[in-house]
Amino acid sequence: MKTPTEIVQLMMDNDAFSHWLGIDVELIEIGKCSLKCKITSEMLNGFLIAHGGISYALADSSLAFAANSHGQHCVSVETSISHLGKVLLGDELTSIAKEIYRGKKTGVYEVDVFNQNQRLIAHFKGTVFVGDKEW
């Protein structure tokens, strides 16, 4: 069986969007993941703040990596996010995913997204389907 690090590398190899986000993997363990990215001008909306999809995408990638770290292919089936603070050009976001529940066919994860000042800017929850295929 592959390690969580090997699995994330395989996932990142084919993940053009995460590369565009400039994601750096800070931590990957079974059921846990922490990622970072820096906000660039291409990520801003008409209010000159980061589009909500940026923190969502960062949290979603954390969910994906944490869920797949067990060695089975997982895909999200339901996700939600609460945006709690604005994100500005140059901010550095950190997402921290933790496993809440892992069953034979589903898993539940929570992801908090912080800015460089450790201010919580988003809270994300996701449920994944645990497939039979192994990495």
Protein backbone atom coordinates (compact mmCIF):
# COMPACT_ATOMS: atom_id res chain seq x y z
CA MET A 1 0.00 0.00 0.00
CA LYS A 2 1.21 3.51 -0.81
CA THR A 3 1.99 6.07 1.89
CA PRO A 4 -0.13 9.23 2.27
CA THR A 5 2.75 11.25 0.78
CA GLU A 6 2.95 8.97 -2.27
CA ILE A 7 -0.82 9.16 -2.76
CA VAL A 8 -0.88 12.98 -2.61
CA GLN A 9 2.00 13.14 -5.08
CA LEU A 10 0.07 10.92 -7.49
CA MET A 11 -3.01 13.11 -7.06
CA MET A 12 -1.02 16.33 -7.54
CA ASP A 13 0.67 14.98 -10.68
CA ASN A 14 -2.70 15.15 -12.48
CA ASP A 15 -4.22 18.15 -10.67
CA ALA A 16 -3.71 21.23 -12.84
CA PHE A 17 -6.09 23.31 -10.72
CA SER A 18 -4.17 22.73 -7.48
CA HIS A 19 -0.99 23.66 -9.34
CA TRP A 20 -2.66 26.87 -10.55
CA LEU A 21 -3.63 27.64 -6.93
CA GLY A 22 0.02 27.28 -5.97
CA ILE A 23 -0.76 24.74 -3.27
CA ASP A 24 2.03 23.63 -0.97
CA VAL A 25 1.48 20.50 1.10
CA GLU A 26 2.47 21.31 4.68
CA LEU A 27 1.31 18.07 6.33
CA ILE A 28 -0.18 14.81 5.13
CA GLU A 29 -1.00 11.94 7.47
CA ILE A 30 -3.75 9.34 7.55
CA GLY A 31 -6.97 11.36 7.83
CA LYS A 32 -5.20 14.74 8.12
CA CYS A 33 -3.92 17.33 5.70
CA SER A 34 -2.66 20.90 5.82
CA LEU A 35 -2.14 23.00 2.69
CA LYS A 36 -1.02 26.56 1.98
CA CYS A 37 -1.50 28.97 -0.89
CA LYS A 38 -0.83 32.66 -1.51
CA ILE A 39 -3.49 34.94 -2.97
CA THR A 40 -2.56 36.41 -6.35
CA SER A 41 -4.28 39.10 -8.42
CA GLU A 42 -5.86 36.44 -10.67
CA MET A 43 -7.80 35.16 -7.65
CA LEU A 44 -9.55 38.46 -6.88
CA ASN A 45 -13.17 39.27 -7.66
CA GLY A 46 -14.78 42.63 -8.49
CA PHE A 47 -14.59 43.71 -4.84
CA LEU A 48 -10.79 43.20 -4.93
CA ILE A 49 -11.04 40.37 -2.40
CA ALA A 50 -10.36 36.71 -3.09
CA HIS A 51 -13.19 34.92 -4.85
CA GLY A 52 -14.93 32.56 -2.42
CA GLY A 53 -14.05 29.70 -4.73
CA ILE A 54 -10.38 30.07 -3.78
CA SER A 55 -10.82 29.23 -0.09
CA TYR A 56 -13.37 26.61 -1.13
CA ALA A 57 -10.92 25.00 -3.56
CA LEU A 58 -8.11 25.00 -0.99
CA ALA A 59 -10.40 23.36 1.58
CA ASP A 60 -11.70 20.88 -1.01
CA SER A 61 -8.15 19.82 -1.89
CA SER A 62 -7.39 19.33 1.81
CA LEU A 63 -10.50 17.17 2.10
CA ALA A 64 -9.48 15.12 -0.95
CA PHE A 65 -5.93 14.52 0.25
CA ALA A 66 -6.99 13.65 3.81
CA ALA A 67 -9.71 11.26 2.63
CA ASN A 68 -7.52 9.52 0.04
CA SER A 69 -4.61 9.18 2.50
CA HIS A 70 -6.07 5.87 3.71
CA GLY A 71 -5.16 4.33 0.36
CA GLN A 72 -8.62 4.02 -1.19
CA HIS A 73 -10.00 6.25 -3.93
CA CYS A 74 -12.47 8.74 -2.41
CA VAL A 75 -14.62 11.41 -4.03
CA SER A 76 -16.75 14.06 -2.39
CA VAL A 77 -20.51 13.63 -2.40
CA GLU A 78 -21.48 16.68 -0.35
CA THR A 79 -19.62 19.78 0.76
CA SER A 80 -20.44 23.14 2.32
CA ILE A 81 -18.49 26.20 3.38
CA SER A 82 -19.06 29.20 5.62
CA HIS A 83 -16.99 32.25 4.64
CA LEU A 84 -16.13 34.05 7.87
CA GLY A 85 -13.69 36.76 6.78
CA LYS A 86 -12.41 38.50 3.69
CA VAL A 87 -9.20 37.47 1.97
CA LEU A 88 -6.95 40.07 0.36
CA LEU A 89 -4.25 40.16 -2.27
CA GLY A 90 -1.04 38.72 -0.82
CA ASP A 91 -2.74 36.85 2.03
CA GLU A 92 -1.39 33.38 2.72
CA LEU A 93 -4.08 30.82 3.48
CA THR A 94 -3.61 27.62 5.43
CA SER A 95 -6.22 24.87 5.37
CA ILE A 96 -6.29 22.18 8.03
CA ALA A 97 -8.40 19.08 7.36
CA LYS A 98 -9.27 16.54 10.03
CA GLU A 99 -11.23 13.35 9.82
CA ILE A 100 -14.42 13.31 11.91
CA TYR A 101 -15.72 9.89 10.83
CA ARG A 102 -14.49 7.10 8.59
CA GLY A 103 -16.70 4.17 7.72
CA LYS A 104 -16.56 1.47 5.05
CA LYS A 105 -18.32 3.59 2.41
CA THR A 106 -18.34 7.18 3.71
CA GLY A 107 -16.10 9.62 5.52
CA VAL A 108 -16.78 13.01 7.08
CA TYR A 109 -14.17 15.77 7.30
CA GLU A 110 -13.93 19.30 8.63
CA VAL A 111 -11.53 21.86 7.23
CA ASP A 112 -10.67 25.22 8.76
CA VAL A 113 -9.00 27.87 6.62
CA PHE A 114 -6.87 30.54 8.31
CA ASN A 115 -5.01 33.58 7.03
CA GLN A 116 -1.40 34.42 7.91
CA ASN A 117 -2.59 36.08 11.15
CA GLN A 118 -4.28 32.83 12.27
CA ARG A 119 -7.69 34.41 11.71
CA LEU A 120 -10.33 31.83 10.78
CA ILE A 121 -11.66 32.92 7.39
CA ALA A 122 -13.66 29.81 6.40
CA HIS A 123 -15.09 26.60 7.82
CA PHE A 124 -15.75 23.72 5.43
CA LYS A 125 -17.41 20.35 5.92
CA GLY A 126 -17.33 17.48 3.46
CA THR A 127 -18.61 13.96 3.07
CA VAL A 128 -16.81 11.52 0.79
CA PHE A 129 -17.68 8.22 -0.80
CA VAL A 130 -15.01 5.60 -0.08
CA GLY A 131 -14.46 3.49 -3.18
CA ASP A 132 -13.07 -0.02 -3.56
CA LYS A 133 -10.14 0.94 -5.80
CA GLU A 134 -6.78 1.32 -4.07
CA TRP A 135 -3.98 3.72 -4.90
